[in-house]
PDB file of N, CA and C in Angstrom:
ATOM      1  N   MET A   1       7.518 -18.303   1.194  1.00  0.00           N
ATOM      2  CA  MET A   1       6.396 -18.327   2.441  1.00  0.00           C
ATOM      3  C   MET A   1       5.972 -16.741   2.456  1.00  0.00           C
ATOM      4  N   ASP A   2       4.494 -16.823   2.651  1.00  0.00           N
ATOM      5  CA  ASP A   2       3.937 -15.508   2.611  1.00  0.00           C
ATOM      6  C   ASP A   2       3.933 -14.955   3.850  1.00  0.00           C
ATOM      7  N   ASN A   3       4.376 -13.600   4.160  1.00  0.00           N
ATOM      8  CA  ASN A   3       3.705 -13.411   5.593  1.00  0.00           C
ATOM      9  C   ASN A   3       3.018 -11.959   5.106  1.00  0.00           C
ATOM     10  N   PHE A   4       1.954 -12.052   3.909  1.00  0.00           N
ATOM     11  CA  PHE A   4       0.969 -10.765   4.009  1.00  0.00           C
ATOM     12  C   PHE A   4       0.084 -11.318   5.022  1.00  0.00           C
ATOM     13  N   GLY A   5      -0.354 -12.112   5.396  1.00  0.00           N
ATOM     14  CA  GLY A   5      -1.554 -12.440   6.160  1.00  0.00           C
ATOM     15  C   GLY A   5      -3.196 -12.571   5.670  1.00  0.00           C
ATOM     16  N   THR A   6      -3.886 -11.839   6.441  1.00  0.00           N
ATOM     17  CA  THR A   6      -5.231 -12.122   5.590  1.00  0.00           C
ATOM     18  C   THR A   6      -5.458 -10.333   4.957  1.00  0.00           C
ATOM     19  N   ILE A   7      -6.134 -10.708   3.857  1.00  0.00           N
ATOM     20  CA  ILE A   7      -6.741  -9.655   2.805  1.00  0.00           C
ATOM     21  C   ILE A   7      -7.859  -9.011   3.273  1.00  0.00           C
ATOM     22  N   LEU A   8      -7.544  -7.615   3.313  1.00  0.00           N
ATOM     23  CA  LEU A   8      -8.587  -6.600   3.601  1.00  0.00           C
ATOM     24  C   LEU A   8      -9.739  -6.448   2.577  1.00  0.00           C
ATOM     25  N   ALA A   9      -8.768  -6.132   1.382  1.00  0.00           N
ATOM     26  CA  ALA A   9      -9.152  -5.624   0.466  1.00  0.00           C
ATOM     27  C   ALA A   9      -8.700  -5.933  -0.783  1.00  0.00           C
ATOM     28  N   THR A  10      -8.931  -6.268  -2.109  1.00  0.00           N
ATOM     29  CA  THR A  10      -8.173  -6.199  -3.617  1.00  0.00           C
ATOM     30  C   THR A  10      -8.886  -5.446  -4.488  1.00  0.00           C
ATOM     31  N   ARG A  11      -7.862  -4.937  -5.279  1.00  0.00           N
ATOM     32  CA  ARG A  11      -8.555  -4.119  -6.307  1.00  0.00           C
ATOM     33  C   ARG A  11      -7.937  -4.678  -7.563  1.00  0.00           C
ATOM     34  N   GLU A  12      -8.945  -4.972  -8.444  1.00  0.00           N
ATOM     35  CA  GLU A  12      -8.262  -5.662  -9.629  1.00  0.00           C
ATOM     36  C   GLU A  12      -8.457  -4.765 -11.070  1.00  0.00           C
ATOM     37  N   MET A  13      -7.168  -4.630 -11.730  1.00  0.00           N
ATOM     38  CA  MET A  13      -6.650  -3.850 -13.004  1.00  0.00           C
ATOM     39  C   MET A  13      -6.428  -4.638 -13.692  1.00  0.00           C
ATOM     40  N   THR A  14      -6.871  -4.243 -15.176  1.00  0.00           N
ATOM     41  CA  THR A  14      -6.484  -5.275 -16.359  1.00  0.00           C
ATOM     42  C   THR A  14      -5.129  -4.357 -17.116  1.00  0.00           C
ATOM     43  N   TRP A  15      -4.187  -4.780 -18.069  1.00  0.00           N
ATOM     44  CA  TRP A  15      -3.378  -4.647 -19.071  1.00  0.00           C
ATOM     45  C   TRP A  15      -3.270  -5.238 -20.347  1.00  0.00           C
ATOM     46  N   GLU A  16      -2.853  -4.716 -21.104  1.00  0.00           N
ATOM     47  CA  GLU A  16      -2.831  -5.620 -22.301  1.00  0.00           C
ATOM     48  C   GLU A  16      -1.326  -5.210 -22.995  1.00  0.00           C
ATOM     49  N   ASP A  17      -0.952  -6.970 -23.399  1.00  0.00           N
ATOM     50  CA  ASP A  17       0.445  -6.547 -23.740  1.00  0.00           C
ATOM     51  C   ASP A  17       0.834  -6.230 -25.076  1.00  0.00           C
ATOM     52  N   ALA A  18       2.093  -6.601 -25.712  1.00  0.00           N
ATOM     53  CA  ALA A  18       2.308  -6.155 -26.970  1.00  0.00           C
ATOM     54  C   ALA A  18       1.717  -7.426 -28.110  1.00  0.00           C
ATOM     55  N   ASP A  19       0.954  -8.469 -27.516  1.00  0.00           N
ATOM     56  CA  ASP A  19       0.425  -9.586 -28.041  1.00  0.00           C
ATOM     57  C   ASP A  19      -1.157  -9.111 -28.147  1.00  0.00           C
ATOM     58  N   GLY A  20      -1.883  -8.388 -27.513  1.00  0.00           N
ATOM     59  CA  GLY A  20      -2.692  -7.887 -27.636  1.00  0.00           C
ATOM     60  C   GLY A  20      -3.488  -8.771 -26.375  1.00  0.00           C
ATOM     61  N   ASP A  21      -2.778  -9.762 -25.645  1.00  0.00           N
ATOM     62  CA  ASP A  21      -3.008 -10.589 -24.715  1.00  0.00           C
ATOM     63  C   ASP A  21      -3.456  -9.702 -23.365  1.00  0.00           C
ATOM     64  N   THR A  22      -4.943  -9.856 -22.681  1.00  0.00           N
ATOM     65  CA  THR A  22      -5.194  -9.112 -21.330  1.00  0.00           C
ATOM     66  C   THR A  22      -4.640  -9.670 -20.025  1.00  0.00           C
ATOM     67  N   HIS A  23      -4.049  -9.220 -19.059  1.00  0.00           N
ATOM     68  CA  HIS A  23      -3.496  -9.726 -18.163  1.00  0.00           C
ATOM     69  C   HIS A  23      -4.280  -8.877 -16.829  1.00  0.00           C
ATOM     70  N   THR A  24      -4.434  -9.359 -15.563  1.00  0.00           N
ATOM     71  CA  THR A  24      -4.858  -9.154 -14.721  1.00  0.00           C
ATOM     72  C   THR A  24      -4.052  -8.799 -13.643  1.00  0.00           C
ATOM     73  N   ALA A  25      -3.964  -7.599 -13.254  1.00  0.00           N
ATOM     74  CA  ALA A  25      -2.949  -7.154 -11.840  1.00  0.00           C
ATOM     75  C   ALA A  25      -3.881  -7.162 -10.489  1.00  0.00           C
ATOM     76  N   TYR A  26      -2.983  -7.438  -9.622  1.00  0.00           N
ATOM     77  CA  TYR A  26      -3.971  -7.008  -8.243  1.00  0.00           C
ATOM     78  C   TYR A  26      -2.978  -5.647  -7.318  1.00  0.00           C
ATOM     79  N   VAL A  27      -3.901  -5.407  -6.365  1.00  0.00           N
ATOM     80  CA  VAL A  27      -3.356  -3.913  -5.495  1.00  0.00           C
ATOM     81  C   VAL A  27      -3.998  -4.963  -3.894  1.00  0.00           C
ATOM     82  N   ASP A  28      -3.350  -5.647  -3.336  1.00  0.00           N
ATOM     83  CA  ASP A  28      -4.066  -6.169  -2.084  1.00  0.00           C
ATOM     84  C   ASP A  28      -3.731  -5.041  -0.769  1.00  0.00           C
ATOM     85  N   ILE A  29      -4.444  -4.948   0.003  1.00  0.00           N
ATOM     86  CA  ILE A  29      -4.364  -4.219   0.969  1.00  0.00           C
ATOM     87  C   ILE A  29      -4.689  -5.083   2.298  1.00  0.00           C
ATOM     88  N   GLY A  30      -3.933  -5.235   3.478  1.00  0.00           N
ATOM     89  CA  GLY A  30      -4.051  -6.133   4.618  1.00  0.00           C
ATOM     90  C   GLY A  30      -4.660  -5.565   5.603  1.00  0.00           C
ATOM     91  N   VAL A  31      -5.265  -6.511   6.544  1.00  0.00           N
ATOM     92  CA  VAL A  31      -6.432  -6.414   7.707  1.00  0.00           C
ATOM     93  C   VAL A  31      -5.022  -5.425   8.448  1.00  0.00           C
ATOM     94  N   PRO A  32      -5.018  -4.617   8.982  1.00  0.00           N
ATOM     95  CA  PRO A  32      -4.434  -3.885  10.126  1.00  0.00           C
ATOM     96  C   PRO A  32      -4.188  -4.628  11.193  1.00  0.00           C
ATOM     97  N   SER A  33      -2.699  -4.735  11.741  1.00  0.00           N
ATOM     98  CA  SER A  33      -2.732  -5.277  13.068  1.00  0.00           C
ATOM     99  C   SER A  33      -1.820  -4.565  13.833  1.00  0.00           C
ATOM    100  N   GLU A  34      -2.258  -4.466  15.187  1.00  0.00           N
ATOM    101  CA  GLU A  34      -1.344  -3.465  16.105  1.00  0.00           C
ATOM    102  C   GLU A  34      -0.139  -4.776  16.739  1.00  0.00           C
ATOM    103  N   ARG A  35       0.989  -3.329  16.260  1.00  0.00           N
ATOM    104  CA  ARG A  35       2.002  -3.830  17.008  1.00  0.00           C
ATOM    105  C   ARG A  35       2.851  -3.325  18.009  1.00  0.00           C
ATOM    106  N   GLN A  36       3.095  -4.329  19.007  1.00  0.00           N
ATOM    107  CA  GLN A  36       3.420  -3.784  20.434  1.00  0.00           C
ATOM    108  C   GLN A  36       4.806  -2.887  20.414  1.00  0.00           C
ATOM    109  N   ALA A  37       4.316  -2.235  21.292  1.00  0.00           N
ATOM    110  CA  ALA A  37       5.338  -1.081  21.346  1.00  0.00           C
ATOM    111  C   ALA A  37       6.962  -1.820  22.059  1.00  0.00           C
ATOM    112  N   PRO A  38       8.216  -1.560  21.467  1.00  0.00           N
ATOM    113  CA  PRO A  38       9.047  -2.112  22.011  1.00  0.00           C
ATOM    114  C   PRO A  38       9.681  -2.242  23.565  1.00  0.00           C
ATOM    115  N   ASP A  39       9.404  -1.135  23.944  1.00  0.00           N
ATOM    116  CA  ASP A  39       8.931  -1.239  25.601  1.00  0.00           C
ATOM    117  C   ASP A  39       8.262  -0.646  26.187  1.00  0.00           C
ATOM    118  N   ALA A  40       8.287  -0.237  27.417  1.00  0.00           N
ATOM    119  CA  ALA A  40       6.849   0.286  28.226  1.00  0.00           C
ATOM    120  C   ALA A  40       6.621   1.953  28.025  1.00  0.00           C
ATOM    121  N   ASN A  41       7.838   2.302  27.650  1.00  0.00           N
ATOM    122  CA  ASN A  41       8.068   3.673  27.467  1.00  0.00           C
ATOM    123  C   ASN A  41       7.667   4.664  26.022  1.00  0.00           C
ATOM    124  N   SER A  42       7.386   3.457  25.482  1.00  0.00           N
ATOM    125  CA  SER A  42       6.589   3.769  23.939  1.00  0.00           C
ATOM    126  C   SER A  42       5.346   3.240  23.796  1.00  0.00           C
ATOM    127  N   GLU A  43       4.832   4.247  22.760  1.00  0.00           N
ATOM    128  CA  GLU A  43       3.496   3.807  22.390  1.00  0.00           C
ATOM    129  C   GLU A  43       3.313   2.661  21.217  1.00  0.00           C
ATOM    130  N   SER A  44       2.323   1.859  21.266  1.00  0.00           N
ATOM    131  CA  SER A  44       2.256   0.490  20.214  1.00  0.00           C
ATOM    132  C   SER A  44       1.791   1.496  18.888  1.00  0.00           C
ATOM    133  N   ASP A  45       1.736   0.930  17.616  1.00  0.00           N
ATOM    134  CA  ASP A  45       1.325   1.805  16.196  1.00  0.00           C
ATOM    135  C   ASP A  45       0.646   0.335  15.737  1.00  0.00           C
ATOM    136  N   TRP A  46       0.361   0.778  14.416  1.00  0.00           N
ATOM    137  CA  TRP A  46      -0.892  -0.166  13.508  1.00  0.00           C
ATOM    138  C   TRP A  46      -0.084  -0.354  12.160  1.00  0.00           C
ATOM    139  N   GLU A  47      -0.013  -1.537  11.947  1.00  0.00           N
ATOM    140  CA  GLU A  47       0.570  -1.756  10.303  1.00  0.00           C
ATOM    141  C   GLU A  47      -0.455  -2.443   9.538  1.00  0.00           C
ATOM    142  N   CYS A  48      -0.320  -2.059   8.426  1.00  0.00           N
ATOM    143  CA  CYS A  48      -1.086  -2.334   7.481  1.00  0.00           C
ATOM    144  C   CYS A  48      -0.598  -3.103   5.848  1.00  0.00           C
ATOM    145  N   LYS A  49      -0.446  -4.401   5.991  1.00  0.00           N
ATOM    146  CA  LYS A  49       0.264  -4.705   4.767  1.00  0.00           C
ATOM    147  C   LYS A  49      -0.161  -4.119   3.383  1.00  0.00           C
ATOM    148  N   VAL A  50       0.939  -3.997   2.278  1.00  0.00           N
ATOM    149  CA  VAL A  50       0.241  -3.605   0.943  1.00  0.00           C
ATOM    150  C   VAL A  50       1.280  -4.780  -0.154  1.00  0.00           C
ATOM    151  N   ARG A  51       0.791  -5.276  -1.052  1.00  0.00           N
ATOM    152  CA  ARG A  51       1.330  -6.015  -1.955  1.00  0.00           C
ATOM    153  C   ARG A  51       0.253  -6.127  -3.149  1.00  0.00           C
ATOM    154  N   LEU A  52       1.352  -5.552  -4.682  1.00  0.00           N
ATOM    155  CA  LEU A  52       1.184  -5.567  -6.387  1.00  0.00           C
ATOM    156  C   LEU A  52       1.487  -7.030  -6.594  1.00  0.00           C
ATOM    157  N   ARG A  53       0.343  -7.413  -7.176  1.00  0.00           N
ATOM    158  CA  ARG A  53       0.720  -8.803  -7.397  1.00  0.00           C
ATOM    159  C   ARG A  53       0.381  -8.678  -9.383  1.00  0.00           C
ATOM    160  N   ASN A  54       1.393  -9.466  -9.901  1.00  0.00           N
ATOM    161  CA  ASN A  54       1.238  -9.428 -11.721  1.00  0.00           C
ATOM    162  C   ASN A  54       1.529  -8.270 -12.223  1.00  0.00           C
ATOM    163  N   LEU A  55       2.368  -7.531 -11.634  1.00  0.00           N
ATOM    164  CA  LEU A  55       2.708  -6.496 -12.004  1.00  0.00           C
ATOM    165  C   LEU A  55       4.575  -6.524 -11.746  1.00  0.00           C
ATOM    166  N   GLY A  56       4.907  -7.503 -11.806  1.00  0.00           N
ATOM    167  CA  GLY A  56       6.464  -7.711 -11.919  1.00  0.00           C
ATOM    168  C   GLY A  56       7.086  -7.242 -10.745  1.00  0.00           C
ATOM    169  N   ASP A  57       6.314  -6.934  -9.284  1.00  0.00           N
ATOM    170  CA  ASP A  57       6.887  -6.660  -8.287  1.00  0.00           C
ATOM    171  C   ASP A  57       5.960  -7.277  -6.998  1.00  0.00           C
ATOM    172  N   GLU A  58       6.280  -8.062  -6.140  1.00  0.00           N
ATOM    173  CA  GLU A  58       5.302  -8.549  -5.226  1.00  0.00           C
ATOM    174  C   GLU A  58       5.425  -8.366  -4.219  1.00  0.00           C
ATOM    175  N   GLU A  59       6.744  -7.650  -3.808  1.00  0.00           N
ATOM    176  CA  GLU A  59       7.290  -7.467  -2.530  1.00  0.00           C
ATOM    177  C   GLU A  59       5.851  -7.082  -1.236  1.00  0.00           C
ATOM    178  N   VAL A  60       5.724  -7.582  -0.269  1.00  0.00           N
ATOM    179  CA  VAL A  60       4.915  -6.952   0.732  1.00  0.00           C
ATOM    180  C   VAL A  60       5.563  -5.885   1.519  1.00  0.00           C
ATOM    181  N   ARG A  61       5.045  -4.845   1.352  1.00  0.00           N
ATOM    182  CA  ARG A  61       5.436  -3.496   2.242  1.00  0.00           C
ATOM    183  C   ARG A  61       4.055  -3.414   3.348  1.00  0.00           C
ATOM    184  N   SER A  62       4.816  -2.355   4.004  1.00  0.00           N
ATOM    185  CA  SER A  62       3.959  -2.087   5.301  1.00  0.00           C
ATOM    186  C   SER A  62       3.982  -0.593   5.436  1.00  0.00           C
ATOM    187  N   ALA A  63       2.673  -0.202   5.619  1.00  0.00           N
ATOM    188  CA  ALA A  63       2.407   1.057   6.194  1.00  0.00           C
ATOM    189  C   ALA A  63       2.070   1.334   7.358  1.00  0.00           C
ATOM    190  N   TYR A  64       2.360   2.308   8.411  1.00  0.00           N
ATOM    191  CA  TYR A  64       1.882   2.417   9.607  1.00  0.00           C
ATOM    192  C   TYR A  64       0.578   3.806   9.890  1.00  0.00           C
ATOM    193  N   GLY A  65       0.349   3.157  11.283  1.00  0.00           N
ATOM    194  CA  GLY A  65      -0.581   4.723  11.862  1.00  0.00           C
ATOM    195  C   GLY A  65      -0.717   4.469  13.049  1.00  0.00           C
ATOM    196  N   VAL A  66      -1.258   5.580  13.762  1.00  0.00           N
ATOM    197  CA  VAL A  66      -1.464   5.510  15.403  1.00  0.00           C
ATOM    198  C   VAL A  66      -2.562   4.723  15.258  1.00  0.00           C
ATOM    199  N   ASP A  67      -3.391   4.472  14.569  1.00  0.00           N
ATOM    200  CA  ASP A  67      -4.508   3.633  15.051  1.00  0.00           C
ATOM    201  C   ASP A  67      -5.061   2.675  13.446  1.00  0.00           C
ATOM    202  N   ALA A  68      -5.880   1.993  13.611  1.00  0.00           N
ATOM    203  CA  ALA A  68      -6.013   1.176  12.565  1.00  0.00           C
ATOM    204  C   ALA A  68      -6.218   1.877  10.929  1.00  0.00           C
ATOM    205  N   VAL A  69      -7.325   3.121  11.594  1.00  0.00           N
ATOM    206  CA  VAL A  69      -7.943   3.799  10.459  1.00  0.00           C
ATOM    207  C   VAL A  69      -6.830   4.260   9.550  1.00  0.00           C
ATOM    208  N   GLN A  70      -5.570   4.833  10.173  1.00  0.00           N
ATOM    209  CA  GLN A  70      -4.295   5.617   9.895  1.00  0.00           C
ATOM    210  C   GLN A  70      -3.648   4.824   9.061  1.00  0.00           C
ATOM    211  N   ALA A  71      -3.580   3.370   9.625  1.00  0.00           N
ATOM    212  CA  ALA A  71      -2.845   2.605   8.693  1.00  0.00           C
ATOM    213  C   ALA A  71      -3.564   2.007   7.644  1.00  0.00           C
ATOM    214  N   ILE A  72      -4.606   2.096   7.629  1.00  0.00           N
ATOM    215  CA  ILE A  72      -5.200   1.670   6.230  1.00  0.00           C
ATOM    216  C   ILE A  72      -5.160   2.824   4.966  1.00  0.00           C
ATOM    217  N   PHE A  73      -5.202   4.074   5.438  1.00  0.00           N
ATOM    218  CA  PHE A  73      -5.703   5.520   4.608  1.00  0.00           C
ATOM    219  C   PHE A  73      -4.189   5.206   4.153  1.00  0.00           C
ATOM    220  N   HIS A  74      -2.802   5.006   5.186  1.00  0.00           N
ATOM    221  CA  HIS A  74      -1.654   5.366   4.755  1.00  0.00           C
ATOM    222  C   HIS A  74      -1.337   3.874   3.427  1.00  0.00           C
ATOM    223  N   ALA A  75      -1.969   2.777   3.891  1.00  0.00           N
ATOM    224  CA  ALA A  75      -1.763   1.334   2.924  1.00  0.00           C
ATOM    225  C   ALA A  75      -2.190   2.335   1.578  1.00  0.00           C
ATOM    226  N   LEU A  76      -3.364   2.388   1.623  1.00  0.00           N
ATOM    227  CA  LEU A  76      -4.367   2.833   0.490  1.00  0.00           C
ATOM    228  C   LEU A  76      -3.337   4.196  -0.412  1.00  0.00           C
ATOM    229  N   ALA A  77      -2.950   5.032   0.186  1.00  0.00           N
ATOM    230  CA  ALA A  77      -2.199   6.245  -0.390  1.00  0.00           C
ATOM    231  C   ALA A  77      -0.601   5.417  -0.901  1.00  0.00           C
ATOM    232  N   MET A  78      -0.183   4.599  -0.339  1.00  0.00           N
ATOM    233  CA  MET A  78       1.217   3.534  -0.631  1.00  0.00           C
ATOM    234  C   MET A  78       0.978   3.292  -1.986  1.00  0.00           C
ATOM    235  N   ALA A  79      -0.279   2.164  -1.898  1.00  0.00           N
ATOM    236  CA  ALA A  79      -0.781   1.375  -2.951  1.00  0.00           C
ATOM    237  C   ALA A  79      -0.764   2.319  -4.322  1.00  0.00           C
ATOM    238  N   GLY A  80      -1.102   3.616  -4.049  1.00  0.00           N
ATOM    239  CA  GLY A  80      -1.868   4.440  -5.420  1.00  0.00           C
ATOM    240  C   GLY A  80      -0.312   5.007  -6.045  1.00  0.00           C
ATOM    241  N   VAL A  81       0.853   5.202  -4.728  1.00  0.00           N
ATOM    242  CA  VAL A  81       2.098   5.626  -5.430  1.00  0.00           C
ATOM    243  C   VAL A  81       2.888   4.558  -6.156  1.00  0.00           C
ATOM    244  N   LEU A  82       2.666   3.233  -5.483  1.00  0.00           N
ATOM    245  CA  LEU A  82       2.780   2.009  -6.036  1.00  0.00           C
ATOM    246  C   LEU A  82       2.766   1.583  -7.286  1.00  0.00           C
ATOM    247  N   VAL A  83       1.374   1.957  -7.582  1.00  0.00           N
ATOM    248  CA  VAL A  83       0.889   1.740  -8.553  1.00  0.00           C
ATOM    249  C   VAL A  83       1.359   2.369  -9.960  1.00  0.00           C
ATOM    250  N   ALA A  84       1.399   3.583  -9.476  1.00  0.00           N
ATOM    251  CA  ALA A  84       1.873   5.020 -10.580  1.00  0.00           C
ATOM    252  C   ALA A  84       3.368   5.234 -10.982  1.00  0.00           C
ATOM    253  N   ALA A  85       3.863   4.518 -10.413  1.00  0.00           N
ATOM    254  CA  ALA A  85       5.174   4.265 -10.171  1.00  0.00           C
ATOM    255  C   ALA A  85       5.706   3.141 -10.753  1.00  0.00           C
ATOM    256  N   ASN A  86       4.973   2.022 -11.054  1.00  0.00           N
ATOM    257  CA  ASN A  86       5.356   0.569 -11.424  1.00  0.00           C
ATOM    258  C   ASN A  86       5.329   0.849 -13.658  1.00  0.00           C
ATOM    259  N   GLY A  87       6.024   0.503 -13.791  1.00  0.00           N
ATOM    260  CA  GLY A  87       6.340   0.109 -15.715  1.00  0.00           C
ATOM    261  C   GLY A  87       5.274   0.222 -16.249  1.00  0.00           C
ATOM    262  N   LEU A  88       4.276  -0.506 -15.574  1.00  0.00           N
ATOM    263  CA  LEU A  88       3.076  -0.922 -16.536  1.00  0.00           C
ATOM    264  C   LEU A  88       1.777   0.288 -15.706  1.00  0.00           C
ATOM    265  N   ALA A  89       2.686   1.133 -15.230  1.00  0.00           N
ATOM    266  CA  ALA A  89       1.021   1.999 -14.916  1.00  0.00           C
ATOM    267  C   ALA A  89       0.353   2.710 -15.808  1.00  0.00           C
ATOM    268  N   ASP A  90       1.122   3.117 -17.157  1.00  0.00           N
ATOM    269  CA  ASP A  90       0.337   3.672 -18.558  1.00  0.00           C
ATOM    270  C   ASP A  90      -0.471   3.078 -19.385  1.00  0.00           C
ATOM    271  N   GLU A  91      -0.064   1.317 -18.991  1.00  0.00           N
ATOM    272  CA  GLU A  91      -1.303   0.153 -19.487  1.00  0.00           C
ATOM    273  C   GLU A  91      -2.116  -0.291 -18.597  1.00  0.00           C
ATOM    274  N   LEU A  92      -2.286   0.251 -17.565  1.00  0.00           N
ATOM    275  CA  LEU A  92      -3.332  -0.466 -16.631  1.00  0.00           C
ATOM    276  C   LEU A  92      -4.649   0.604 -16.938  1.00  0.00           C
ATOM    277  N   ASP A  93      -5.637  -0.282 -16.786  1.00  0.00           N
ATOM    278  CA  ASP A  93      -7.072  -0.058 -17.389  1.00  0.00           C
ATOM    279  C   ASP A  93      -7.689  -0.304 -15.877  1.00  0.00           C
ATOM    280  N   TRP A  94      -8.383   0.748 -15.385  1.00  0.00           N
ATOM    281  CA  TRP A  94      -9.266   0.528 -14.277  1.00  0.00           C
ATOM    282  C   TRP A  94     -10.398   1.500 -14.126  1.00  0.00           C
ATOM    283  N   SER A  95     -10.240   2.279 -14.752  1.00  0.00           N
ATOM    284  CA  SER A  95     -11.073   3.708 -14.434  1.00  0.00           C
ATOM    285  C   SER A  95     -10.536   4.839 -14.882  1.00  0.00           C
ATOM    286  N   GLU A  96     -11.322   5.755 -14.968  1.00  0.00           N
ATOM    287  CA  GLU A  96     -11.072   7.268 -15.718  1.00  0.00           C
ATOM    288  C   GLU A  96     -10.691   7.957 -13.983  1.00  0.00           C
ATOM    289  N   VAL A  97     -10.809   7.398 -12.894  1.00  0.00           N
ATOM    290  CA  VAL A  97     -10.383   8.184 -11.896  1.00  0.00           C
ATOM    291  C   VAL A  97      -9.004   8.412 -11.574  1.00  0.00           C
ATOM    292  N   PRO A  98      -8.509   9.886 -11.420  1.00  0.00           N
ATOM    293  CA  PRO A  98      -7.153   9.902 -11.213  1.00  0.00           C
ATOM    294  C   PRO A  98      -6.503   8.901  -9.917  1.00  0.00           C
ATOM    295  N   ASN A  99      -5.223   8.545 -10.289  1.00  0.00           N
ATOM    296  CA  ASN A  99      -4.360   7.722  -9.065  1.00  0.00           C
ATOM    297  C   ASN A  99      -5.106   6.415  -8.886  1.00  0.00           C
ATOM    298  N   PHE A 100      -5.634   6.074 -10.093  1.00  0.00           N
ATOM    299  CA  PHE A 100      -6.261   4.509 -10.008  1.00  0.00           C
ATOM    300  C   PHE A 100      -7.367   4.451  -8.721  1.00  0.00           C
ATOM    301  N   GLY A 101      -7.768   5.564  -8.529  1.00  0.00           N
ATOM    302  CA  GLY A 101      -9.401   5.721  -7.228  1.00  0.00           C
ATOM    303  C   GLY A 101      -8.404   5.380  -6.135  1.00  0.00           C
ATOM    304  N   PHE A 102      -7.212   5.584  -5.885  1.00  0.00           N
ATOM    305  CA  PHE A 102      -6.402   5.504  -4.301  1.00  0.00           C
ATOM    306  C   PHE A 102      -6.089   6.909  -3.875  1.00  0.00           C
ATOM    307  N   PRO A 103      -6.117   7.226  -2.698  1.00  0.00           N
ATOM    308  CA  PRO A 103      -6.155   8.371  -2.124  1.00  0.00           C
ATOM    309  C   PRO A 103      -4.688   9.288  -2.395  1.00  0.00           C
ATOM    310  N   LEU A 104      -4.611  10.456  -2.265  1.00  0.00           N
ATOM    311  CA  LEU A 104      -3.025  11.188  -2.443  1.00  0.00           C
ATOM    312  C   LEU A 104      -2.300  10.506  -1.008  1.00  0.00           C
ATOM    313  N   PRO A 105      -1.132  10.741  -0.906  1.00  0.00           N
ATOM    314  CA  PRO A 105      -0.413  10.634   0.335  1.00  0.00           C
ATOM    315  C   PRO A 105      -0.311  11.755   1.000  1.00  0.00           C
ATOM    316  N   PRO A 106      -0.553  11.717   2.275  1.00  0.00           N
ATOM    317  CA  PRO A 106      -0.453  12.507   3.236  1.00  0.00           C
ATOM    318  C   PRO A 106       0.530  13.148   3.083  1.00  0.00           C
ATOM    319  N   VAL A 107       0.624  14.924   3.091  1.00  0.00           N
ATOM    320  CA  VAL A 107       1.695  15.661   3.236  1.00  0.00           C
ATOM    321  C   VAL A 107       2.668  15.360   4.605  1.00  0.00           C
ATOM    322  N   VAL A 108       3.859  15.593   4.068  1.00  0.00           N
ATOM    323  CA  VAL A 108       5.057  15.388   5.006  1.00  0.00           C
ATOM    324  C   VAL A 108       5.081  16.441   5.755  1.00  0.00           C
ATOM    325  N   PRO A 109       4.991  16.435   7.019  1.00  0.00           N
ATOM    326  CA  PRO A 109       5.383  18.072   8.046  1.00  0.00           C
ATOM    327  C   PRO A 109       6.793  18.426   7.720  1.00  0.00           C
ATOM    328  N   ASN A 110       6.850  19.479   7.589  1.00  0.00           N
ATOM    329  CA  ASN A 110       8.335  19.813   7.708  1.00  0.00           C
ATOM    330  C   ASN A 110       9.272  19.526   8.751  1.00  0.00           C
ATOM    331  N   ASP A 111       8.726  19.347   9.956  1.00  0.00           N
ATOM    332  CA  ASP A 111       9.225  18.974  11.093  1.00  0.00           C
ATOM    333  C   ASP A 111      10.347  17.729  10.906  1.00  0.00           C
ATOM    334  N   GLY A 112       9.961  16.857   9.824  1.00  0.00           N
ATOM    335  CA  GLY A 112      10.691  15.866   9.172  1.00  0.00           C
ATOM    336  C   GLY A 112      10.126  14.356  10.140  1.00  0.00           C
ATOM    337  N   GLY A 113       8.700  14.542  10.594  1.00  0.00           N
ATOM    338  CA  GLY A 113       7.948  13.362  11.293  1.00  0.00           C
ATOM    339  C   GLY A 113       7.450  12.502  10.469  1.00  0.00           C
ATOM    340  N   GLY A 114       7.445  12.665   9.400  1.00  0.00           N
ATOM    341  CA  GLY A 114       7.213  11.406   8.353  1.00  0.00           C
ATOM    342  C   GLY A 114       5.749  11.516   8.079  1.00  0.00           C
ATOM    343  N   CYS A 115       4.986  10.630   7.468  1.00  0.00           N
ATOM    344  CA  CYS A 115       3.769  10.445   7.652  1.00  0.00           C
ATOM    345  C   CYS A 115       3.634   8.992   7.881  1.00  0.00           C
ATOM    346  N   GLY A 116       4.329   7.845   8.036  1.00  0.00           N
ATOM    347  CA  GLY A 116       3.896   6.520   8.270  1.00  0.00           C
ATOM    348  C   GLY A 116       3.381   5.837   7.677  1.00  0.00           C
ATOM    349  N   CYS A 117       4.050   6.733   6.129  1.00  0.00           N
ATOM    350  CA  CYS A 117       3.753   5.927   4.952  1.00  0.00           C
ATOM    351  C   CYS A 117       4.594   4.891   4.560  1.00  0.00           C
ATOM    352  N   GLY A 118       5.780   4.734   5.454  1.00  0.00           N
ATOM    353  CA  GLY A 118       6.767   3.732   4.872  1.00  0.00           C
ATOM    354  C   GLY A 118       7.490   3.139   5.987  1.00  0.00           C
ATOM    355  N   ASP A 119       8.740   3.235   6.124  1.00  0.00           N
ATOM    356  CA  ASP A 119       9.471   2.839   7.210  1.00  0.00           C
ATOM    357  C   ASP A 119       9.011   2.662   8.446  1.00  0.00           C
ATOM    358  N   PRO A 120       9.091   1.949   9.642  1.00  0.00           N
ATOM    359  CA  PRO A 120       8.265   1.754  10.996  1.00  0.00           C
ATOM    360  C   PRO A 120       9.179   2.632  11.789  1.00  0.00           C
ATOM    361  N   PRO A 121       8.265   3.176  12.723  1.00  0.00           N
ATOM    362  CA  PRO A 121       8.857   4.008  14.003  1.00  0.00           C
ATOM    363  C   PRO A 121      10.057   3.466  14.361  1.00  0.00           C
ATOM    364  N   PRO A 122      10.967   4.483  14.976  1.00  0.00           N
ATOM    365  CA  PRO A 122      11.863   4.042  15.447  1.00  0.00           C
ATOM    366  C   PRO A 122      11.539   3.212  16.868  1.00  0.00           C
ATOM    367  N   GLY A 123      12.604   2.803  17.214  1.00  0.00           N
ATOM    368  CA  GLY A 123      12.177   2.103  18.624  1.00  0.00           C
ATOM    369  C   GLY A 123      12.345   0.603  18.573  1.00  0.00           C
TER     370      GLY A 123
END
């Protein structure tokens, strides 16, 4: 069952296997959606899905933000981290741009508040 939802944007990258065959890999960024607060004393937040395809890991992950724009930014940063950490990262051909053209993750504050790039906020 696909729980990804609607795709906002997809980046295509290619890689060549040991036999010289070219394969296409994809990074999907989902349309952000507002997540309702668990109770009246909490604020709602936004979620944006991220998925790699044809890179051996197709797990759907979520990035979060205080609004849709921040959720998209965090999803793009997460995508860059996921691609760079993938075992095929050295084989991928997309561009000469660093980090496969994805933004670097935001700096995590020293207060432990996190960047919203991974686990959902408590509540």
